[in-house]
C-alpha cells in the first residue's frame, strides 16, 4: 500500500468507462438498423447523413471542452467538485492527488473536508500519515485512533495498527506496541514490512528466537535487504554463525553498499573458524 491511500475501483464502480464494452453490441445493432432502414427508404439517407454531421460536430466541440478538464487527476477532481458540489469521495481523491504533487496544505484542507462530510478509515489514515511525516505525532495518533472507528479495508486497518505500534515503541510503551503489531499482522499477515517492524521490537527486547521467526517470515514474503540484515543480527546473537553469514550475504546481494553487513561478516569470520575446530587428519 502506498503511504497515502488511493481511490479504489470499488469507489467508482459506476464510472462511464465500465459501459464501453457492453454498449458495443447496442451500437452495432443501431448502425445495422439504420442501414436497413435507408435501404428500404432511400430518401431518409440524406437526412441521416446531415444529422450525423451535426452530431459529430457537437461531439467534437464537447470533446474539446472536456479535454481541458482531463489534463490530470487534479483538474478532473476539481471539475467534478465544481459540477456536483463537494462530496467526500472526490474531496479525498483530490486531497491525495494534491499530496502526491507536494501541495500538502491544500491536501490537508480537502482531506479534512472529506472527513467532515463522511469519516472513513482511508481519509483519516491519510491525514494521520501526513501529520506523522510533519512530526505532529499527537495529531497523527488522534487521526489513527479515529480511523479504527470506521473499519473498511483490512489492509488499511493493519497499517493503522502498525503505525500506532511504531509510535508506541518509540515512546517506550512496549506492551501496547506489541499488541498493536499482533493486530496488524492478524489483519494483513502477508505484509513483509509489518513482520519486520514486529521483529525489530522483539529483537530490542532480546527475544531473539521470536524475532528470527518474524524476519524469516518477512523475507519469505518479500526478500528485503534490511530484513535479511536483522535476521543475521539475531542469528548471530544466537551463535548460529553459519545461518547469520548466509543472511548477511543475502543482505549484500540485495544492497551491496550496506557496509554494516560487510562489517558483521568480517567480524564473525574468525569466530566461525574457531567454532569449526581442527579438521580431521590434523595433528
C-alpha atoms as a PDB file:
ATOM      1  CA  UNK A   1       0.000   0.000   0.000  1.00  0.00           C
ATOM      2  CA  UNK A   2       1.170   3.438  -0.742  1.00  0.00           C
ATOM      3  CA  UNK A   3       1.771   5.836   2.151  1.00  0.00           C
ATOM      4  CA  UNK A   4      -1.240   7.837   1.089  1.00  0.00           C
ATOM      5  CA  UNK A   5      -4.284   5.823   0.097  1.00  0.00           C
ATOM      6  CA  UNK A   6      -5.682   5.696  -3.414  1.00  0.00           C
ATOM      7  CA  UNK A   7      -9.183   5.777  -4.859  1.00  0.00           C
ATOM      8  CA  UNK A   8     -10.194   2.136  -5.188  1.00  0.00           C
ATOM      9  CA  UNK A   9     -12.116   0.548  -8.034  1.00  0.00           C
ATOM     10  CA  UNK A  10     -14.988  -0.183  -5.687  1.00  0.00           C
ATOM     11  CA  UNK A  11     -15.414   3.548  -5.102  1.00  0.00           C
ATOM     12  CA  UNK A  12     -16.073   4.268  -8.768  1.00  0.00           C
ATOM     13  CA  UNK A  13     -17.950   1.171  -9.845  1.00  0.00           C
ATOM     14  CA  UNK A  14     -20.451   3.248 -11.803  1.00  0.00           C
ATOM     15  CA  UNK A  15     -17.900   5.171 -13.867  1.00  0.00           C
ATOM     16  CA  UNK A  16     -18.771   5.636 -17.537  1.00  0.00           C
ATOM     17  CA  UNK A  17     -15.884   3.518 -18.757  1.00  0.00           C
ATOM     18  CA  UNK A  18     -17.490   0.382 -17.352  1.00  0.00           C
ATOM     19  CA  UNK A  19     -20.229   0.710 -20.027  1.00  0.00           C
ATOM     20  CA  UNK A  20     -17.871   0.804 -23.022  1.00  0.00           C
ATOM     21  CA  UNK A  21     -17.804  -2.915 -23.816  1.00  0.00           C
ATOM     22  CA  UNK A  22     -21.475  -3.687 -23.026  1.00  0.00           C
ATOM     23  CA  UNK A  23     -22.578  -0.878 -25.371  1.00  0.00           C
ATOM     24  CA  UNK A  24     -20.639  -2.184 -28.386  1.00  0.00           C
ATOM     25  CA  UNK A  25     -23.439  -4.587 -29.296  1.00  0.00           C
ATOM     26  CA  UNK A  26     -26.048  -1.853 -28.909  1.00  0.00           C
ATOM     27  CA  UNK A  27     -24.207   0.480 -31.289  1.00  0.00           C
ATOM     28  CA  UNK A  28     -23.614  -2.290 -33.844  1.00  0.00           C
ATOM     29  CA  UNK A  29     -27.330  -3.131 -33.828  1.00  0.00           C
ATOM     30  CA  UNK A  30     -28.225   0.556 -34.167  1.00  0.00           C
ATOM     31  CA  UNK A  31     -25.936   1.096 -37.180  1.00  0.00           C
ATOM     32  CA  UNK A  32     -27.172  -2.023 -38.925  1.00  0.00           C
ATOM     33  CA  UNK A  33     -30.766  -0.986 -38.245  1.00  0.00           C
ATOM     34  CA  UNK A  34     -30.195   2.449 -39.801  1.00  0.00           C
ATOM     35  CA  UNK A  35     -28.512   0.850 -42.821  1.00  0.00           C
ATOM     36  CA  UNK A  36     -31.514  -1.451 -43.380  1.00  0.00           C
ATOM     37  CA  UNK A  37     -33.894   1.487 -42.948  1.00  0.00           C
ATOM     38  CA  UNK A  38     -32.134   3.681 -45.514  1.00  0.00           C
ATOM     39  CA  UNK A  39     -32.110   0.755 -47.944  1.00  0.00           C
ATOM     40  CA  UNK A  40     -35.876   0.455 -47.657  1.00  0.00           C
ATOM     41  CA  UNK A  41     -36.413   4.248 -47.673  1.00  0.00           C
ATOM     42  CA  UNK A  42     -33.627   5.887 -49.790  1.00  0.00           C
ATOM     43  CA  UNK A  43     -34.900   9.420 -49.159  1.00  0.00           C
ATOM     44  CA  UNK A  44     -34.024   9.062 -45.482  1.00  0.00           C
ATOM     45  CA  UNK A  45     -30.333   8.587 -46.346  1.00  0.00           C
ATOM     46  CA  UNK A  46     -29.580  12.306 -46.756  1.00  0.00           C
ATOM     47  CA  UNK A  47     -31.481  13.184 -43.604  1.00  0.00           C
ATOM     48  CA  UNK A  48     -29.401  10.668 -41.643  1.00  0.00           C
ATOM     49  CA  UNK A  49     -26.184  11.983 -43.212  1.00  0.00           C
ATOM     50  CA  UNK A  50     -26.996  15.573 -42.273  1.00  0.00           C
ATOM     51  CA  UNK A  51     -27.992  14.570 -38.759  1.00  0.00           C
ATOM     52  CA  UNK A  52     -24.791  12.547 -38.355  1.00  0.00           C
ATOM     53  CA  UNK A  53     -22.633  15.508 -39.386  1.00  0.00           C
ATOM     54  CA  UNK A  54     -24.345  17.737 -36.826  1.00  0.00           C
ATOM     55  CA  UNK A  55     -23.946  15.121 -34.090  1.00  0.00           C
ATOM     56  CA  UNK A  56     -20.243  14.585 -34.895  1.00  0.00           C
ATOM     57  CA  UNK A  57     -19.602  18.346 -34.808  1.00  0.00           C
ATOM     58  CA  UNK A  58     -21.424  18.632 -31.475  1.00  0.00           C
ATOM     59  CA  UNK A  59     -19.351  15.779 -30.063  1.00  0.00           C
ATOM     60  CA  UNK A  60     -16.145  17.420 -31.329  1.00  0.00           C
ATOM     61  CA  UNK A  61     -16.998  20.672 -29.532  1.00  0.00           C
ATOM     62  CA  UNK A  62     -17.905  18.799 -26.349  1.00  0.00           C
ATOM     63  CA  UNK A  63     -14.719  16.726 -26.522  1.00  0.00           C
ATOM     64  CA  UNK A  64     -12.581  19.843 -26.931  1.00  0.00           C
ATOM     65  CA  UNK A  65     -14.188  21.349 -23.855  1.00  0.00           C
ATOM     66  CA  UNK A  66     -13.866  18.173 -21.789  1.00  0.00           C
ATOM     67  CA  UNK A  67     -10.191  17.768 -22.670  1.00  0.00           C
ATOM     68  CA  UNK A  68      -9.467  20.891 -20.624  1.00  0.00           C
ATOM     69  CA  UNK A  69     -10.756  19.011 -17.554  1.00  0.00           C
ATOM     70  CA  UNK A  70      -8.855  15.781 -18.258  1.00  0.00           C
ATOM     71  CA  UNK A  71      -5.328  17.207 -18.207  1.00  0.00           C
ATOM     72  CA  UNK A  72      -4.507  15.454 -14.943  1.00  0.00           C
ATOM     73  CA  UNK A  73      -6.106  13.991 -11.839  1.00  0.00           C
ATOM     74  CA  UNK A  74      -6.227  17.376 -10.101  1.00  0.00           C
ATOM     75  CA  UNK A  75      -8.250  19.124 -12.827  1.00  0.00           C
ATOM     76  CA  UNK A  76     -10.577  16.120 -13.098  1.00  0.00           C
ATOM     77  CA  UNK A  77     -11.317  16.144  -9.372  1.00  0.00           C
ATOM     78  CA  UNK A  78     -11.676  19.931  -9.242  1.00  0.00           C
ATOM     79  CA  UNK A  79     -14.125  19.876 -12.161  1.00  0.00           C
ATOM     80  CA  UNK A  80     -16.124  17.073 -10.584  1.00  0.00           C
ATOM     81  CA  UNK A  81     -16.466  19.024  -7.334  1.00  0.00           C
ATOM     82  CA  UNK A  82     -17.390  22.179  -9.236  1.00  0.00           C
ATOM     83  CA  UNK A  83     -20.174  20.373 -11.115  1.00  0.00           C
ATOM     84  CA  UNK A  84     -21.601  18.091  -8.417  1.00  0.00           C
ATOM     85  CA  UNK A  85     -20.668  20.069  -5.329  1.00  0.00           C
ATOM     86  CA  UNK A  86     -18.448  18.889  -2.529  1.00  0.00           C
ATOM     87  CA  UNK A  87     -18.596  15.143  -1.878  1.00  0.00           C
ATOM     88  CA  UNK A  88     -16.361  13.041   0.383  1.00  0.00           C
ATOM     89  CA  UNK A  89     -15.036  10.701  -2.313  1.00  0.00           C
ATOM     90  CA  UNK A  90     -13.837  13.433  -4.669  1.00  0.00           C
ATOM     91  CA  UNK A  91     -12.553  15.580  -1.801  1.00  0.00           C
ATOM     92  CA  UNK A  92     -10.447  12.642  -0.677  1.00  0.00           C
ATOM     93  CA  UNK A  93      -9.260  11.871  -4.199  1.00  0.00           C
ATOM     94  CA  UNK A  94      -8.277  15.500  -4.725  1.00  0.00           C
ATOM     95  CA  UNK A  95      -6.521  15.630  -1.373  1.00  0.00           C
ATOM     96  CA  UNK A  96      -4.474  12.537  -2.162  1.00  0.00           C
ATOM     97  CA  UNK A  97      -3.554  13.847  -5.598  1.00  0.00           C
ATOM     98  CA  UNK A  98      -2.509  17.232  -4.204  1.00  0.00           C
ATOM     99  CA  UNK A  99      -0.380  15.482  -1.602  1.00  0.00           C
ATOM    100  CA  UNK A 100       1.353  13.463  -4.308  1.00  0.00           C
ATOM    101  CA  UNK A 101       2.031  16.803  -6.030  1.00  0.00           C
ATOM    102  CA  UNK A 102       3.648  18.115  -2.790  1.00  0.00           C
ATOM    103  CA  UNK A 103       0.810  20.595  -2.209  1.00  0.00           C
ATOM    104  CA  UNK A 104       0.456  19.452   1.371  1.00  0.00           C
ATOM    105  CA  UNK A 105      -1.588  22.291   2.888  1.00  0.00           C
ATOM    106  CA  UNK A 106      -4.184  22.057   0.124  1.00  0.00           C
ATOM    107  CA  UNK A 107      -4.231  18.280   0.511  1.00  0.00           C
ATOM    108  CA  UNK A 108      -4.934  18.543   4.226  1.00  0.00           C
ATOM    109  CA  UNK A 109      -7.778  21.000   3.567  1.00  0.00           C
ATOM    110  CA  UNK A 110      -9.542  18.659   1.137  1.00  0.00           C
ATOM    111  CA  UNK A 111      -8.932  15.532   3.218  1.00  0.00           C
ATOM    112  CA  UNK A 112     -10.307  17.330   6.260  1.00  0.00           C
ATOM    113  CA  UNK A 113     -13.411  18.323   4.276  1.00  0.00           C
ATOM    114  CA  UNK A 114     -13.832  14.704   3.203  1.00  0.00           C
ATOM    115  CA  UNK A 115     -13.682  13.531   6.819  1.00  0.00           C
ATOM    116  CA  UNK A 116     -16.126  16.218   7.938  1.00  0.00           C
ATOM    117  CA  UNK A 117     -18.656  15.120   5.339  1.00  0.00           C
ATOM    118  CA  UNK A 118     -18.179  11.378   5.789  1.00  0.00           C
ATOM    119  CA  UNK A 119     -15.468   9.934   8.043  1.00  0.00           C
ATOM    120  CA  UNK A 120     -13.668   6.949   6.510  1.00  0.00           C
ATOM    121  CA  UNK A 121     -10.681   4.912   7.592  1.00  0.00           C
ATOM    122  CA  UNK A 122      -8.741   5.810   4.434  1.00  0.00           C
ATOM    123  CA  UNK A 123      -9.147   9.598   4.688  1.00  0.00           C
ATOM    124  CA  UNK A 124      -8.334   9.569   8.421  1.00  0.00           C
ATOM    125  CA  UNK A 125      -5.331   7.353   7.755  1.00  0.00           C
ATOM    126  CA  UNK A 126      -4.172   9.783   5.070  1.00  0.00           C
ATOM    127  CA  UNK A 127      -4.413  12.716   7.486  1.00  0.00           C
ATOM    128  CA  UNK A 128      -2.607  10.765  10.199  1.00  0.00           C
ATOM    129  CA  UNK A 129       0.167   9.841   7.804  1.00  0.00           C
ATOM    130  CA  UNK A 130       0.678  13.463   6.755  1.00  0.00           C
ATOM    131  CA  UNK A 131       0.791  14.612  10.385  1.00  0.00           C
ATOM    132  CA  UNK A 132       3.262  11.858  11.233  1.00  0.00           C
ATOM    133  CA  UNK A 133       5.537  12.956   8.407  1.00  0.00           C
ATOM    134  CA  UNK A 134       5.274  16.508   9.758  1.00  0.00           C
ATOM    135  CA  UNK A 135       6.340  15.218  13.218  1.00  0.00           C
ATOM    136  CA  UNK A 136       2.957  16.203  14.664  1.00  0.00           C
ATOM    137  CA  UNK A 137       2.831  12.857  16.439  1.00  0.00           C
ATOM    138  CA  UNK A 138      -0.031  13.674  18.790  1.00  0.00           C
ATOM    139  CA  UNK A 139      -2.303  14.697  15.919  1.00  0.00           C
ATOM    140  CA  UNK A 140      -1.241  11.644  13.944  1.00  0.00           C
ATOM    141  CA  UNK A 141      -2.186   9.327  16.816  1.00  0.00           C
ATOM    142  CA  UNK A 142      -5.567  11.035  17.108  1.00  0.00           C
ATOM    143  CA  UNK A 143      -6.313  10.517  13.408  1.00  0.00           C
ATOM    144  CA  UNK A 144      -5.149   6.894  13.511  1.00  0.00           C
ATOM    145  CA  UNK A 145      -7.349   6.157  16.509  1.00  0.00           C
ATOM    146  CA  UNK A 146     -10.323   7.739  14.763  1.00  0.00           C
ATOM    147  CA  UNK A 147      -9.615   5.658  11.649  1.00  0.00           C
ATOM    148  CA  UNK A 148     -10.081   2.477  13.674  1.00  0.00           C
ATOM    149  CA  UNK A 149     -13.644   3.585  14.490  1.00  0.00           C
ATOM    150  CA  UNK A 150     -14.545   3.340  10.799  1.00  0.00           C
ATOM    151  CA  UNK A 151     -13.118  -0.015   9.694  1.00  0.00           C
ATOM    152  CA  UNK A 152     -13.178  -0.592   5.956  1.00  0.00           C
ATOM    153  CA  UNK A 153     -10.396  -2.420   4.203  1.00  0.00           C
ATOM    154  CA  UNK A 154      -8.402  -4.793   6.475  1.00  0.00           C
ATOM    155  CA  UNK A 155      -5.094  -3.650   4.970  1.00  0.00           C
ATOM    156  CA  UNK A 156      -5.814  -0.036   5.899  1.00  0.00           C
ATOM    157  CA  UNK A 157      -6.634  -1.006   9.484  1.00  0.00           C
ATOM    158  CA  UNK A 158      -3.490  -3.154   9.557  1.00  0.00           C
ATOM    159  CA  UNK A 159      -1.356  -0.185   8.517  1.00  0.00           C
ATOM    160  CA  UNK A 160      -3.024   1.999  11.147  1.00  0.00           C
ATOM    161  CA  UNK A 161      -2.256  -0.549  13.874  1.00  0.00           C
ATOM    162  CA  UNK A 162       1.313  -0.839  12.600  1.00  0.00           C
ATOM    163  CA  UNK A 163       1.817   2.938  12.682  1.00  0.00           C
ATOM    164  CA  UNK A 164       0.413   3.157  16.205  1.00  0.00           C
ATOM    165  CA  UNK A 165       2.709   0.338  17.294  1.00  0.00           C
ATOM    166  CA  UNK A 166       5.789   2.078  15.892  1.00  0.00           C
ATOM    167  CA  UNK A 167       4.865   5.307  17.704  1.00  0.00           C
ATOM    168  CA  UNK A 168       4.259   3.415  20.962  1.00  0.00           C
ATOM    169  CA  UNK A 169       7.540   1.578  20.594  1.00  0.00           C
ATOM    170  CA  UNK A 170       9.360   4.887  20.213  1.00  0.00           C
ATOM    171  CA  UNK A 171       7.600   6.143  23.343  1.00  0.00           C
ATOM    172  CA  UNK A 172       8.630   3.074  25.325  1.00  0.00           C
ATOM    173  CA  UNK A 173       5.089   1.677  25.503  1.00  0.00           C
ATOM    174  CA  UNK A 174       6.277  -1.793  24.520  1.00  0.00           C
ATOM    175  CA  UNK A 175       3.284  -3.827  25.712  1.00  0.00           C
ATOM    176  CA  UNK A 176       0.858  -1.621  23.769  1.00  0.00           C
ATOM    177  CA  UNK A 177       3.144  -1.714  20.750  1.00  0.00           C
ATOM    178  CA  UNK A 178       3.289  -5.497  20.761  1.00  0.00           C
ATOM    179  CA  UNK A 179      -0.489  -5.796  20.976  1.00  0.00           C
ATOM    180  CA  UNK A 180      -0.937  -3.455  18.032  1.00  0.00           C
ATOM    181  CA  UNK A 181       1.718  -5.288  15.993  1.00  0.00           C
ATOM    182  CA  UNK A 182      -0.180  -8.530  16.565  1.00  0.00           C
ATOM    183  CA  UNK A 183      -3.444  -6.902  15.463  1.00  0.00           C
ATOM    184  CA  UNK A 184      -1.720  -5.553  12.381  1.00  0.00           C
ATOM    185  CA  UNK A 185      -0.416  -8.980  11.393  1.00  0.00           C
ATOM    186  CA  UNK A 186      -3.773 -10.617  12.080  1.00  0.00           C
ATOM    187  CA  UNK A 187      -5.351  -8.281   9.520  1.00  0.00           C
ATOM    188  CA  UNK A 188      -2.530  -8.403   6.959  1.00  0.00           C
ATOM    189  CA  UNK A 189      -0.343 -11.470   7.544  1.00  0.00           C
ATOM    190  CA  UNK A 190       1.307 -11.168   4.125  1.00  0.00           C
ATOM    191  CA  UNK A 191       2.871  -7.762   4.838  1.00  0.00           C
ATOM    192  CA  UNK A 192       6.640  -8.143   4.955  1.00  0.00           C
ATOM    193  CA  UNK A 193       7.054  -4.666   6.458  1.00  0.00           C
ATOM    194  CA  UNK A 194       4.786  -5.456   9.388  1.00  0.00           C
ATOM    195  CA  UNK A 195       6.721  -8.640  10.188  1.00  0.00           C
ATOM    196  CA  UNK A 196       9.974  -6.658  10.093  1.00  0.00           C
ATOM    197  CA  UNK A 197       8.589  -3.992  12.420  1.00  0.00           C
ATOM    198  CA  UNK A 198       7.345  -6.558  14.940  1.00  0.00           C
ATOM    199  CA  UNK A 199      10.609  -8.486  14.692  1.00  0.00           C
ATOM    200  CA  UNK A 200      12.530  -5.290  15.427  1.00  0.00           C
ATOM    201  CA  UNK A 201      10.544  -4.823  18.657  1.00  0.00           C
ATOM    202  CA  UNK A 202      11.258  -8.411  19.691  1.00  0.00           C
ATOM    203  CA  UNK A 203      14.943  -8.006  18.840  1.00  0.00           C
ATOM    204  CA  UNK A 204      15.204  -4.882  21.029  1.00  0.00           C
ATOM    205  CA  UNK A 205      13.759  -6.940  23.897  1.00  0.00           C
ATOM    206  CA  UNK A 206      16.405  -9.658  23.313  1.00  0.00           C
ATOM    207  CA  UNK A 207      13.690 -12.127  22.322  1.00  0.00           C
ATOM    208  CA  UNK A 208      15.893 -13.414  19.544  1.00  0.00           C
ATOM    209  CA  UNK A 209      14.178 -16.720  18.610  1.00  0.00           C
ATOM    210  CA  UNK A 210      10.816 -14.941  18.270  1.00  0.00           C
ATOM    211  CA  UNK A 211      12.411 -12.107  16.326  1.00  0.00           C
ATOM    212  CA  UNK A 212      14.082 -14.593  13.973  1.00  0.00           C
ATOM    213  CA  UNK A 213      10.681 -16.096  13.141  1.00  0.00           C
ATOM    214  CA  UNK A 214       9.341 -12.671  12.181  1.00  0.00           C
ATOM    215  CA  UNK A 215      12.338 -11.829   9.990  1.00  0.00           C
ATOM    216  CA  UNK A 216      12.285 -15.251   8.337  1.00  0.00           C
ATOM    217  CA  UNK A 217       8.597 -14.802   7.586  1.00  0.00           C
ATOM    218  CA  UNK A 218       9.294 -11.325   6.201  1.00  0.00           C
ATOM    219  CA  UNK A 219      11.943 -12.499   3.718  1.00  0.00           C
ATOM    220  CA  UNK A 220       9.732 -15.406   2.666  1.00  0.00           C
ATOM    221  CA  UNK A 221       7.022 -12.886   1.742  1.00  0.00           C
ATOM    222  CA  UNK A 222       9.314 -10.364   0.038  1.00  0.00           C
ATOM    223  CA  UNK A 223      13.148 -10.551   0.053  1.00  0.00           C
ATOM    224  CA  UNK A 224      14.412  -7.336   1.624  1.00  0.00           C
ATOM    225  CA  UNK A 225      17.945  -6.267   2.487  1.00  0.00           C
ATOM    226  CA  UNK A 226      17.161  -4.888   5.957  1.00  0.00           C
ATOM    227  CA  UNK A 227      15.030  -7.909   6.851  1.00  0.00           C
ATOM    228  CA  UNK A 228      17.978 -10.167   5.984  1.00  0.00           C
ATOM    229  CA  UNK A 229      20.335  -7.910   7.939  1.00  0.00           C
ATOM    230  CA  UNK A 230      18.155  -8.037  11.070  1.00  0.00           C
ATOM    231  CA  UNK A 231      17.795 -11.792  10.624  1.00  0.00           C
ATOM    232  CA  UNK A 232      21.581 -12.083  10.511  1.00  0.00           C
ATOM    233  CA  UNK A 233      21.831  -9.978  13.674  1.00  0.00           C
ATOM    234  CA  UNK A 234      19.503 -12.171  15.740  1.00  0.00           C
ATOM    235  CA  UNK A 235      21.069 -15.375  14.405  1.00  0.00           C
ATOM    236  CA  UNK A 236      24.480 -14.007  15.359  1.00  0.00           C
ATOM    237  CA  UNK A 237      23.184 -13.335  18.872  1.00  0.00           C
ATOM    238  CA  UNK A 238      22.020 -16.952  18.985  1.00  0.00           C
ATOM    239  CA  UNK A 239      25.515 -18.089  17.851  1.00  0.00           C
ATOM    240  CA  UNK A 240      24.100 -19.589  14.653  1.00  0.00           C
ATOM    241  CA  UNK A 241      27.009 -18.205  12.712  1.00  0.00           C
ATOM    242  CA  UNK A 242      26.601 -20.180   9.502  1.00  0.00           C
ATOM    243  CA  UNK A 243      22.997 -19.032   9.155  1.00  0.00           C
ATOM    244  CA  UNK A 244      23.962 -15.487  10.136  1.00  0.00           C
ATOM    245  CA  UNK A 245      26.659 -15.472   7.459  1.00  0.00           C
ATOM    246  CA  UNK A 246      24.145 -16.605   4.852  1.00  0.00           C
ATOM    247  CA  UNK A 247      21.726 -13.851   5.902  1.00  0.00           C
ATOM    248  CA  UNK A 248      24.428 -11.167   5.729  1.00  0.00           C
ATOM    249  CA  UNK A 249      25.499 -12.365   2.282  1.00  0.00           C
ATOM    250  CA  UNK A 250      21.918 -12.171   1.048  1.00  0.00           C
ATOM    251  CA  UNK A 251      21.787  -8.666   2.502  1.00  0.00           C
ATOM    252  CA  UNK A 252      24.797  -7.645   0.436  1.00  0.00           C
ATOM    253  CA  UNK A 253      23.337  -9.266  -2.668  1.00  0.00           C
ATOM    254  CA  UNK A 254      20.290  -7.023  -2.361  1.00  0.00           C
ATOM    255  CA  UNK A 255      22.162  -3.969  -1.029  1.00  0.00           C
ATOM    256  CA  UNK A 256      25.883  -4.136  -1.926  1.00  0.00           C
ATOM    257  CA  UNK A 257      26.519  -0.757  -0.336  1.00  0.00           C
ATOM    258  CA  UNK A 258      25.273  -1.726   3.129  1.00  0.00           C
ATOM    259  CA  UNK A 259      28.581  -1.577   4.974  1.00  0.00           C
ATOM    260  CA  UNK A 260      27.169  -2.817   8.289  1.00  0.00           C
ATOM    261  CA  UNK A 261      26.517  -6.212   6.742  1.00  0.00           C
ATOM    262  CA  UNK A 262      30.085  -6.468   5.432  1.00  0.00           C
ATOM    263  CA  UNK A 263      31.437  -5.405   8.824  1.00  0.00           C
ATOM    264  CA  UNK A 264      29.449  -8.126  10.577  1.00  0.00           C
ATOM    265  CA  UNK A 265      30.650 -10.702   8.055  1.00  0.00           C
ATOM    266  CA  UNK A 266      34.251  -9.701   8.716  1.00  0.00           C
ATOM    267  CA  UNK A 267      33.671  -9.791  12.481  1.00  0.00           C
ATOM    268  CA  UNK A 268      32.199 -13.285  12.649  1.00  0.00           C
ATOM    269  CA  UNK A 269      34.595 -14.920  10.187  1.00  0.00           C
ATOM    270  CA  UNK A 270      37.305 -15.615  12.837  1.00  0.00           C
ATOM    271  CA  UNK A 271      34.667 -16.952  15.224  1.00  0.00           C
ATOM    272  CA  UNK A 272      33.407 -19.365  12.584  1.00  0.00           C
ATOM    273  CA  UNK A 273      36.878 -20.829  12.175  1.00  0.00           C
ATOM    274  CA  UNK A 274      37.227 -21.093  15.952  1.00  0.00           C
ATOM    275  CA  UNK A 275      33.937 -22.951  16.367  1.00  0.00           C
ATOM    276  CA  UNK A 276      34.724 -25.174  13.420  1.00  0.00           C
ATOM    277  CA  UNK A 277      37.750 -26.628  15.281  1.00  0.00           C
ATOM    278  CA  UNK A 278      40.610 -28.573  13.721  1.00  0.00           C
ATOM    279  CA  UNK A 279      39.916 -30.564  10.586  1.00  0.00           C
ATOM    280  CA  UNK A 280      40.093 -34.302  10.629  1.00  0.00           C
ATOM    281  CA  UNK A 281      43.588 -35.562   9.958  1.00  0.00           C
ATOM    282  CA  UNK A 282      45.397 -32.581  11.504  1.00  0.00           C
ATOM    283  CA  UNK A 283      47.856 -33.093  14.350  1.00  0.00           C
END
